[in-house]
C-alpha atoms as a PDB file:
ATOM      1  CA  MET A   1     -25.212 -14.828 -51.575  1.00  0.00           C
ATOM      2  CA  GLU A   2     -21.873 -14.985 -49.841  1.00  0.00           C
ATOM      3  CA  THR A   3     -21.229 -12.982 -46.671  1.00  0.00           C
ATOM      4  CA  VAL A   4     -17.860 -11.426 -46.082  1.00  0.00           C
ATOM      5  CA  LYS A   5     -16.554 -11.511 -42.526  1.00  0.00           C
ATOM      6  CA  SER A   6     -14.813  -8.372 -41.473  1.00  0.00           C
ATOM      7  CA  LEU A   7     -11.570  -8.559 -39.566  1.00  0.00           C
ATOM      8  CA  PRO A   8     -11.805  -7.634 -35.895  1.00  0.00           C
ATOM      9  CA  THR A   9     -10.440  -4.213 -35.162  1.00  0.00           C
ATOM     10  CA  ASN A  10      -7.862  -3.832 -32.466  1.00  0.00           C
ATOM     11  CA  PRO A  11      -9.218  -2.074 -29.415  1.00  0.00           C
ATOM     12  CA  SER A  12      -7.576   1.182 -28.528  1.00  0.00           C
ATOM     13  CA  PRO A  13      -4.860   0.909 -25.886  1.00  0.00           C
ATOM     14  CA  TRP A  14      -6.281   4.093 -24.345  1.00  0.00           C
ATOM     15  CA  ARG A  15      -9.714   2.651 -23.622  1.00  0.00           C
ATOM     16  CA  VAL A  16     -10.945   2.171 -20.081  1.00  0.00           C
ATOM     17  CA  PRO A  17      -9.982  -1.356 -18.962  1.00  0.00           C
ATOM     18  CA  ASP A  18     -12.680  -3.865 -18.138  1.00  0.00           C
ATOM     19  CA  ILE A  19     -12.460  -4.320 -14.388  1.00  0.00           C
ATOM     20  CA  SER A  20     -13.232  -7.680 -12.871  1.00  0.00           C
ATOM     21  CA  LEU A  21     -13.405  -8.654  -9.216  1.00  0.00           C
ATOM     22  CA  ARG A  22     -10.617 -11.222  -9.435  1.00  0.00           C
ATOM     23  CA  PHE A  23      -8.366  -8.938  -7.397  1.00  0.00           C
ATOM     24  CA  TRP A  24     -10.681  -9.311  -4.398  1.00  0.00           C
ATOM     25  CA  PRO A  25      -9.140 -12.521  -2.915  1.00  0.00           C
ATOM     26  CA  VAL A  26      -5.664 -10.955  -2.993  1.00  0.00           C
ATOM     27  CA  PHE A  27      -7.011  -7.804  -1.354  1.00  0.00           C
ATOM     28  CA  LEU A  28      -8.790  -9.807   1.358  1.00  0.00           C
ATOM     29  CA  ARG A  29      -5.652 -11.799   2.079  1.00  0.00           C
ATOM     30  CA  ASN A  30      -3.593  -8.627   2.473  1.00  0.00           C
ATOM     31  CA  LEU A  31      -6.303  -7.114   4.681  1.00  0.00           C
ATOM     32  CA  LEU A  32      -6.290 -10.164   6.965  1.00  0.00           C
ATOM     33  CA  VAL A  33      -2.498 -10.037   7.265  1.00  0.00           C
ATOM     34  CA  TRP A  34      -2.638  -6.330   8.065  1.00  0.00           C
ATOM     35  CA  ARG A  35      -5.313  -6.840  10.737  1.00  0.00           C
ATOM     36  CA  LYS A  36      -3.214  -9.562  12.320  1.00  0.00           C
ATOM     37  CA  LEU A  37      -0.021  -7.488  12.424  1.00  0.00           C
ATOM     38  CA  ALA A  38      -1.387  -3.958  13.005  1.00  0.00           C
ATOM     39  CA  VAL A  39      -1.257  -3.907  16.812  1.00  0.00           C
ATOM     40  CA  PRO A  40       2.266  -5.384  17.205  1.00  0.00           C
ATOM     41  CA  SER A  41       3.512  -3.019  14.532  1.00  0.00           C
ATOM     42  CA  LEU A  42       2.030   0.017  16.248  1.00  0.00           C
ATOM     43  CA  VAL A  43       3.384  -1.030  19.642  1.00  0.00           C
ATOM     44  CA  GLY A  44       6.884  -1.427  18.210  1.00  0.00           C
ATOM     45  CA  ASN A  45       6.722   1.872  16.346  1.00  0.00           C
ATOM     46  CA  ILE A  46       5.700   3.720  19.520  1.00  0.00           C
ATOM     47  CA  ALA A  47       8.059   1.888  21.888  1.00  0.00           C
ATOM     48  CA  GLU A  48      11.233   2.358  19.839  1.00  0.00           C
ATOM     49  CA  PRO A  49      11.459   6.175  20.044  1.00  0.00           C
ATOM     50  CA  LEU A  50      10.501   6.077  23.723  1.00  0.00           C
ATOM     51  CA  ILE A  51      13.363   3.687  24.451  1.00  0.00           C
ATOM     52  CA  TRP A  52      15.749   5.980  22.556  1.00  0.00           C
ATOM     53  CA  LEU A  53      14.527   8.993  24.508  1.00  0.00           C
ATOM     54  CA  VAL A  54      14.913   7.268  27.865  1.00  0.00           C
ATOM     55  CA  ALA A  55      18.312   5.769  27.068  1.00  0.00           C
ATOM     56  CA  PHE A  56      19.955   8.723  25.375  1.00  0.00           C
ATOM     57  CA  GLY A  57      17.796  11.608  26.567  1.00  0.00           C
ATOM     58  CA  TYR A  58      17.984  11.015  30.283  1.00  0.00           C
ATOM     59  CA  GLY A  59      21.143   8.912  30.329  1.00  0.00           C
ATOM     60  CA  MET A  60      23.403  11.041  28.156  1.00  0.00           C
ATOM     61  CA  GLY A  61      21.303  14.166  28.710  1.00  0.00           C
ATOM     62  CA  ALA A  62      22.643  14.415  32.238  1.00  0.00           C
ATOM     63  CA  LEU A  63      26.188  14.434  30.838  1.00  0.00           C
ATOM     64  CA  VAL A  64      25.587  16.718  27.839  1.00  0.00           C
ATOM     65  CA  GLY A  65      23.211  19.265  29.357  1.00  0.00           C
ATOM     66  CA  GLN A  66      22.474  21.875  26.676  1.00  0.00           C
ATOM     67  CA  VAL A  67      23.169  21.949  22.940  1.00  0.00           C
ATOM     68  CA  ASN A  68      24.012  25.280  21.302  1.00  0.00           C
ATOM     69  CA  MET A  69      22.116  25.780  18.041  1.00  0.00           C
ATOM     70  CA  VAL A  70      21.679  28.652  15.600  1.00  0.00           C
ATOM     71  CA  ASP A  71      18.029  29.395  14.762  1.00  0.00           C
ATOM     72  CA  ALA A  72      16.573  30.788  11.516  1.00  0.00           C
ATOM     73  CA  GLU A  73      17.354  34.409  12.480  1.00  0.00           C
ATOM     74  CA  GLY A  74      21.012  33.578  13.123  1.00  0.00           C
ATOM     75  CA  VAL A  75      20.729  33.823  16.905  1.00  0.00           C
ATOM     76  CA  GLN A  76      22.566  31.188  18.921  1.00  0.00           C
ATOM     77  CA  ARG A  77      20.337  29.498  21.491  1.00  0.00           C
ATOM     78  CA  ALA A  78      20.881  26.808  24.103  1.00  0.00           C
ATOM     79  CA  VAL A  79      18.454  23.905  23.652  1.00  0.00           C
ATOM     80  CA  PRO A  80      18.015  21.111  26.216  1.00  0.00           C
ATOM     81  CA  TYR A  81      19.520  17.875  24.926  1.00  0.00           C
ATOM     82  CA  ILE A  82      16.264  15.940  25.423  1.00  0.00           C
ATOM     83  CA  LEU A  83      14.450  18.399  23.116  1.00  0.00           C
ATOM     84  CA  PHE A  84      17.259  18.195  20.556  1.00  0.00           C
ATOM     85  CA  LEU A  85      17.112  14.395  20.662  1.00  0.00           C
ATOM     86  CA  ALA A  86      13.288  14.188  20.549  1.00  0.00           C
ATOM     87  CA  SER A  87      12.998  15.892  17.160  1.00  0.00           C
ATOM     88  CA  GLY A  88      15.625  13.648  15.605  1.00  0.00           C
ATOM     89  CA  SER A  89      14.140  10.556  17.257  1.00  0.00           C
ATOM     90  CA  ILE A  90      10.698  11.271  15.799  1.00  0.00           C
ATOM     91  CA  CYS A  91      12.141  11.685  12.298  1.00  0.00           C
ATOM     92  CA  MET A  92      14.268   8.550  12.627  1.00  0.00           C
ATOM     93  CA  SER A  93      11.333   6.525  13.913  1.00  0.00           C
ATOM     94  CA  ALA A  94       9.065   7.634  11.067  1.00  0.00           C
ATOM     95  CA  MET A  95      11.685   6.787   8.451  1.00  0.00           C
ATOM     96  CA  ASN A  96      12.544   3.408  10.019  1.00  0.00           C
ATOM     97  CA  ALA A  97       8.887   2.438  10.405  1.00  0.00           C
ATOM     98  CA  ALA A  98       8.025   3.302   6.816  1.00  0.00           C
ATOM     99  CA  THR A  99      10.980   1.506   5.265  1.00  0.00           C
ATOM    100  CA  PHE A 100      10.760  -1.545   7.510  1.00  0.00           C
ATOM    101  CA  GLU A 101       7.012  -2.018   7.005  1.00  0.00           C
ATOM    102  CA  ALA A 102       7.342  -1.780   3.232  1.00  0.00           C
ATOM    103  CA  LEU A 103      10.559  -3.738   2.719  1.00  0.00           C
ATOM    104  CA  TYR A 104       9.997  -6.536   5.223  1.00  0.00           C
ATOM    105  CA  SER A 105       6.484  -7.357   4.060  1.00  0.00           C
ATOM    106  CA  ALA A 106       7.581  -7.350   0.420  1.00  0.00           C
ATOM    107  CA  PHE A 107      10.576  -9.579   1.194  1.00  0.00           C
ATOM    108  CA  SER A 108       8.460 -11.914   3.303  1.00  0.00           C
ATOM    109  CA  ARG A 109       5.823 -12.284   0.599  1.00  0.00           C
ATOM    110  CA  MET A 110       8.472 -12.867  -2.045  1.00  0.00           C
ATOM    111  CA  GLN A 111      10.920 -15.215  -0.297  1.00  0.00           C
ATOM    112  CA  VAL A 112       9.211 -16.855   2.677  1.00  0.00           C
ATOM    113  CA  GLN A 113       5.529 -17.140   1.794  1.00  0.00           C
ATOM    114  CA  LYS A 114       5.957 -17.355  -2.007  1.00  0.00           C
ATOM    115  CA  THR A 115       2.761 -15.317  -2.374  1.00  0.00           C
ATOM    116  CA  TRP A 116       3.977 -13.519  -5.475  1.00  0.00           C
ATOM    117  CA  ASP A 117       4.890 -16.819  -7.123  1.00  0.00           C
ATOM    118  CA  GLY A 118       1.363 -18.035  -6.465  1.00  0.00           C
ATOM    119  CA  ILE A 119      -0.147 -14.866  -7.908  1.00  0.00           C
ATOM    120  CA  LEU A 120       2.083 -15.013 -10.975  1.00  0.00           C
ATOM    121  CA  ASN A 121       1.174 -18.649 -11.628  1.00  0.00           C
ATOM    122  CA  ALA A 122      -2.550 -18.090 -11.112  1.00  0.00           C
ATOM    123  CA  PRO A 123      -4.705 -17.406 -14.157  1.00  0.00           C
ATOM    124  CA  VAL A 124      -5.017 -13.660 -13.537  1.00  0.00           C
ATOM    125  CA  THR A 125      -5.278 -11.187 -16.379  1.00  0.00           C
ATOM    126  CA  PRO A 126      -5.517  -7.406 -16.294  1.00  0.00           C
ATOM    127  CA  GLU A 127      -9.039  -7.408 -17.719  1.00  0.00           C
END
């Protein structure tokens, strides 16, 4: 008696993917890099706004004095220049830190270290 082989059915694209642990070496490498660079990054991100506050807050603050601002109720108030500068400095520092940390590490891994080339050429599949 002859057996008939059935054709394999295509798996659904909506199925849960089979997860393997082949991502683990890449994760460990990124964790080691982060541990190495965490302290210098934090020191720089804290020191930068403090330098801005000292340079512009106390240096130019003596010349500027008070800044007139209109609050939410429409009342004009005089705000010390150091307070006016501190709020903007915190926002600027947060934005600079976030963009620099993301863009510089991505550029460094792509151009200098060639990490992404190594990952792309490695036998890694999404399964």
